[in-house]
C-alpha atoms as a PDB file:
ATOM      1  CA  MET A   1     244.842-222.673  27.327  1.00  0.00           C
ATOM      2  CA  SER A   2     243.195-226.056  27.606  1.00  0.00           C
ATOM      3  CA  LYS A   3     239.616-225.199  26.691  1.00  0.00           C
ATOM      4  CA  PRO A   4     238.708-223.689  23.312  1.00  0.00           C
ATOM      5  CA  ILE A   5     236.913-220.433  22.666  1.00  0.00           C
ATOM      6  CA  TYR A   6     233.339-221.039  21.546  1.00  0.00           C
ATOM      7  CA  VAL A   7     232.117-218.764  18.750  1.00  0.00           C
ATOM      8  CA  LEU A   8     228.403-219.297  18.147  1.00  0.00           C
ATOM      9  CA  ASN A   9     226.346-217.681  15.403  1.00  0.00           C
ATOM     10  CA  GLY A  10     222.606-217.434  15.005  1.00  0.00           C
ATOM     11  CA  PRO A  11     220.157-217.365  12.123  1.00  0.00           C
ATOM     12  CA  ASN A  12     220.931-216.089   8.637  1.00  0.00           C
ATOM     13  CA  LEU A  13     224.625-215.557   9.330  1.00  0.00           C
ATOM     14  CA  ASN A  14     225.304-218.426   6.926  1.00  0.00           C
ATOM     15  CA  LEU A  15     224.255-215.916   4.232  1.00  0.00           C
ATOM     16  CA  LEU A  16     226.972-213.375   5.061  1.00  0.00           C
ATOM     17  CA  GLY A  17     228.551-211.977   1.940  1.00  0.00           C
ATOM     18  CA  VAL A  18     225.316-212.104  -0.043  1.00  0.00           C
ATOM     19  CA  ARG A  19     222.607-210.953   2.392  1.00  0.00           C
ATOM     20  CA  GLU A  20     222.387-207.177   2.711  1.00  0.00           C
ATOM     21  CA  PRO A  21     226.081-206.531   2.011  1.00  0.00           C
ATOM     22  CA  GLU A  22     225.487-202.806   2.455  1.00  0.00           C
ATOM     23  CA  ILE A  23     224.889-203.576   6.151  1.00  0.00           C
ATOM     24  CA  TYR A  24     226.902-206.742   6.802  1.00  0.00           C
ATOM     25  CA  GLY A  25     229.683-206.466   4.223  1.00  0.00           C
ATOM     26  CA  HIS A  26     231.016-208.962   1.699  1.00  0.00           C
ATOM     27  CA  THR A  27     232.980-211.161   4.099  1.00  0.00           C
ATOM     28  CA  THR A  28     231.526-214.657   4.414  1.00  0.00           C
ATOM     29  CA  LEU A  29     231.088-216.595   7.634  1.00  0.00           C
ATOM     30  CA  GLU A  30     233.741-219.040   6.381  1.00  0.00           C
ATOM     31  CA  ASP A  31     236.132-216.089   6.012  1.00  0.00           C
ATOM     32  CA  ILE A  32     235.388-215.018   9.578  1.00  0.00           C
ATOM     33  CA  LYS A  33     235.880-218.570  10.826  1.00  0.00           C
ATOM     34  CA  ALA A  34     239.282-218.790   9.128  1.00  0.00           C
ATOM     35  CA  ARG A  35     240.355-215.460  10.637  1.00  0.00           C
ATOM     36  CA  CYS A  36     239.228-216.555  14.094  1.00  0.00           C
ATOM     37  CA  GLU A  37     241.065-219.864  13.804  1.00  0.00           C
ATOM     38  CA  THR A  38     244.254-218.122  12.676  1.00  0.00           C
ATOM     39  CA  LEU A  39     244.115-215.604  15.514  1.00  0.00           C
ATOM     40  CA  ALA A  40     243.347-218.266  18.111  1.00  0.00           C
ATOM     41  CA  ALA A  41     246.237-220.427  16.901  1.00  0.00           C
ATOM     42  CA  SER A  42     248.588-217.442  17.201  1.00  0.00           C
ATOM     43  CA  LYS A  43     247.467-217.175  20.840  1.00  0.00           C
ATOM     44  CA  ASN A  44     248.023-220.918  21.488  1.00  0.00           C
ATOM     45  CA  THR A  45     244.354-221.751  21.684  1.00  0.00           C
ATOM     46  CA  SER A  46     241.582-222.967  19.399  1.00  0.00           C
ATOM     47  CA  VAL A  47     238.012-222.127  18.509  1.00  0.00           C
ATOM     48  CA  VAL A  48     234.831-224.107  18.146  1.00  0.00           C
ATOM     49  CA  PHE A  49     233.013-222.091  15.477  1.00  0.00           C
ATOM     50  CA  ARG A  50     229.371-222.892  14.721  1.00  0.00           C
ATOM     51  CA  GLN A  51     226.269-221.437  13.061  1.00  0.00           C
ATOM     52  CA  THR A  52     222.636-222.478  13.196  1.00  0.00           C
ATOM     53  CA  ASN A  53     219.276-221.165  12.090  1.00  0.00           C
ATOM     54  CA  HIS A  54     217.571-223.016  14.958  1.00  0.00           C
ATOM     55  CA  GLU A  55     217.077-221.485  18.396  1.00  0.00           C
ATOM     56  CA  GLY A  56     217.093-224.809  20.261  1.00  0.00           C
ATOM     57  CA  GLN A  57     220.391-225.828  18.650  1.00  0.00           C
ATOM     58  CA  LEU A  58     221.970-222.519  19.657  1.00  0.00           C
ATOM     59  CA  ILE A  59     220.783-223.042  23.238  1.00  0.00           C
ATOM     60  CA  ASP A  60     222.193-226.592  23.262  1.00  0.00           C
ATOM     61  CA  TRP A  61     225.587-225.220  22.187  1.00  0.00           C
ATOM     62  CA  VAL A  62     225.467-222.496  24.858  1.00  0.00           C
ATOM     63  CA  GLN A  63     224.797-225.183  27.455  1.00  0.00           C
ATOM     64  CA  GLU A  64     227.701-227.238  26.068  1.00  0.00           C
ATOM     65  CA  ALA A  65     229.984-224.203  26.350  1.00  0.00           C
ATOM     66  CA  ARG A  66     229.206-224.062  30.055  1.00  0.00           C
ATOM     67  CA  THR A  67     231.685-226.891  30.689  1.00  0.00           C
ATOM     68  CA  GLU A  68     233.681-227.109  27.466  1.00  0.00           C
ATOM     69  CA  ALA A  69     234.706-223.507  26.667  1.00  0.00           C
ATOM     70  CA  SER A  70     237.106-221.002  28.175  1.00  0.00           C
ATOM     71  CA  PHE A  71     234.735-218.214  27.123  1.00  0.00           C
ATOM     72  CA  LEU A  72     231.901-217.650  24.675  1.00  0.00           C
ATOM     73  CA  ILE A  73     231.530-215.213  21.816  1.00  0.00           C
ATOM     74  CA  ILE A  74     227.981-215.145  20.514  1.00  0.00           C
ATOM     75  CA  ASN A  75     226.385-213.380  17.585  1.00  0.00           C
ATOM     76  CA  PRO A  76     222.786-214.372  18.194  1.00  0.00           C
ATOM     77  CA  ALA A  77     221.585-212.365  15.164  1.00  0.00           C
ATOM     78  CA  GLY A  78     217.790-212.023  15.248  1.00  0.00           C
ATOM     79  CA  TYR A  79     217.549-213.962  18.526  1.00  0.00           C
ATOM     80  CA  THR A  80     219.295-211.009  20.199  1.00  0.00           C
ATOM     81  CA  HIS A  81     216.005-209.153  20.294  1.00  0.00           C
ATOM     82  CA  THR A  82     213.570-212.008  20.841  1.00  0.00           C
ATOM     83  CA  SER A  83     214.917-214.933  22.844  1.00  0.00           C
ATOM     84  CA  VAL A  84     214.324-215.096  26.565  1.00  0.00           C
ATOM     85  CA  ALA A  85     215.225-218.797  26.352  1.00  0.00           C
ATOM     86  CA  LEU A  86     218.677-217.892  25.012  1.00  0.00           C
ATOM     87  CA  LEU A  87     219.099-215.332  27.807  1.00  0.00           C
ATOM     88  CA  ASP A  88     218.229-217.979  30.393  1.00  0.00           C
ATOM     89  CA  ALA A  89     220.815-220.382  28.921  1.00  0.00           C
ATOM     90  CA  LEU A  90     223.485-217.664  28.910  1.00  0.00           C
ATOM     91  CA  LYS A  91     222.745-216.752  32.524  1.00  0.00           C
ATOM     92  CA  ALA A  92     223.646-220.327  33.516  1.00  0.00           C
ATOM     93  CA  LEU A  93     227.248-219.809  32.352  1.00  0.00           C
ATOM     94  CA  SER A  94     230.066-218.946  34.735  1.00  0.00           C
ATOM     95  CA  ILE A  95     232.507-218.224  31.868  1.00  0.00           C
ATOM     96  CA  PRO A  96     232.723-214.791  30.208  1.00  0.00           C
ATOM     97  CA  VAL A  97     230.195-214.111  27.447  1.00  0.00           C
ATOM     98  CA  ILE A  98     230.921-211.549  24.741  1.00  0.00           C
ATOM     99  CA  GLU A  99     228.039-210.479  22.530  1.00  0.00           C
ATOM    100  CA  CYS A 100     229.241-209.703  19.008  1.00  0.00           C
ATOM    101  CA  HIS A 101     227.440-207.950  16.137  1.00  0.00           C
ATOM    102  CA  LEU A 102     228.705-207.003  12.696  1.00  0.00           C
ATOM    103  CA  SER A 103     226.568-203.874  12.545  1.00  0.00           C
ATOM    104  CA  ASN A 104     225.737-201.439  15.314  1.00  0.00           C
ATOM    105  CA  PRO A 105     222.209-202.392  16.410  1.00  0.00           C
ATOM    106  CA  HIS A 106     221.791-199.037  18.183  1.00  0.00           C
ATOM    107  CA  ALA A 107     222.133-197.210  14.861  1.00  0.00           C
ATOM    108  CA  ARG A 108     219.446-199.310  13.186  1.00  0.00           C
ATOM    109  CA  GLU A 109     215.710-199.889  13.516  1.00  0.00           C
ATOM    110  CA  PRO A 110     214.224-199.278  16.984  1.00  0.00           C
ATOM    111  CA  PHE A 111     213.375-202.965  17.563  1.00  0.00           C
ATOM    112  CA  ARG A 112     217.078-203.854  17.193  1.00  0.00           C
ATOM    113  CA  ARG A 113     218.094-201.528  20.023  1.00  0.00           C
ATOM    114  CA  HIS A 114     217.017-203.966  22.732  1.00  0.00           C
ATOM    115  CA  SER A 115     219.144-207.001  23.455  1.00  0.00           C
ATOM    116  CA  TYR A 116     218.132-209.770  25.801  1.00  0.00           C
ATOM    117  CA  VAL A 117     221.621-211.230  25.376  1.00  0.00           C
ATOM    118  CA  SER A 118     223.336-208.111  26.754  1.00  0.00           C
ATOM    119  CA  GLN A 119     221.847-208.859  30.167  1.00  0.00           C
ATOM    120  CA  ALA A 120     224.094-211.939  30.379  1.00  0.00           C
ATOM    121  CA  ALA A 121     227.143-210.569  28.540  1.00  0.00           C
ATOM    122  CA  LYS A 122     230.314-209.302  30.129  1.00  0.00           C
ATOM    123  CA  ALA A 123     230.867-207.072  27.074  1.00  0.00           C
ATOM    124  CA  VAL A 124     229.475-206.189  23.654  1.00  0.00           C
ATOM    125  CA  VAL A 125     231.451-205.708  20.431  1.00  0.00           C
ATOM    126  CA  ALA A 126     229.353-204.095  17.704  1.00  0.00           C
ATOM    127  CA  GLY A 127     229.706-202.113  14.529  1.00  0.00           C
ATOM    128  CA  PHE A 128     233.203-203.200  13.496  1.00  0.00           C
ATOM    129  CA  GLY A 129     232.083-205.612  10.787  1.00  0.00           C
ATOM    130  CA  ALA A 130     233.937-208.905  10.463  1.00  0.00           C
ATOM    131  CA  ILE A 131     236.919-207.741  12.529  1.00  0.00           C
ATOM    132  CA  GLY A 132     234.601-207.535  15.528  1.00  0.00           C
ATOM    133  CA  TYR A 133     235.059-211.266  16.010  1.00  0.00           C
ATOM    134  CA  GLU A 134     238.825-210.836  16.246  1.00  0.00           C
ATOM    135  CA  LEU A 135     238.378-207.942  18.666  1.00  0.00           C
ATOM    136  CA  ALA A 136     236.106-210.181  20.764  1.00  0.00           C
ATOM    137  CA  ILE A 137     238.733-212.948  20.842  1.00  0.00           C
ATOM    138  CA  ASP A 138     241.415-210.510  21.986  1.00  0.00           C
ATOM    139  CA  ALA A 139     239.080-209.022  24.602  1.00  0.00           C
ATOM    140  CA  GLY A 140     238.043-212.432  25.897  1.00  0.00           C
ATOM    141  CA  LEU A 141     241.646-213.539  26.273  1.00  0.00           C
ATOM    142  CA  ARG A 142     242.390-210.349  28.207  1.00  0.00           C
ATOM    143  CA  LEU A 143     239.414-210.992  30.466  1.00  0.00           C
ATOM    144  CA  LEU A 144     240.790-214.428  31.272  1.00  0.00           C
ATOM    145  CA  ASP A 145     244.176-212.908  32.142  1.00  0.00           C
ATOM    146  CA  GLN A 146     242.652-210.536  34.697  1.00  0.00           C
END
């Protein structure tokens, strides 16, 4: 595969492992990145793995993925429920988009049950904790093979 998999992460995910571990677990974002890189390498591809607390930066990376990525995995975190601008950027992509969440937003507070991002996603992986990212990589690769 010539183009890498883009894995983009939104606000506060840099605090994984210490922020609300009863919800998000003890695995850090660096741990997840390493696992994604290992899995991608085993599949003869690579990942571009990024995190930001800034909505505009996340949108810039989504726009970059439009031409540079084979597919996009995105954990938009809090922007899932608030960002029409992120939705608009995602809708401009012709590559598969997989929305990924560590927890299951549908089992949480009512405001978390609505996702703008889902409107642009081919699929959603949620509630599997850190392994959800690996599941999303496998699923994305299968989508490309179809």
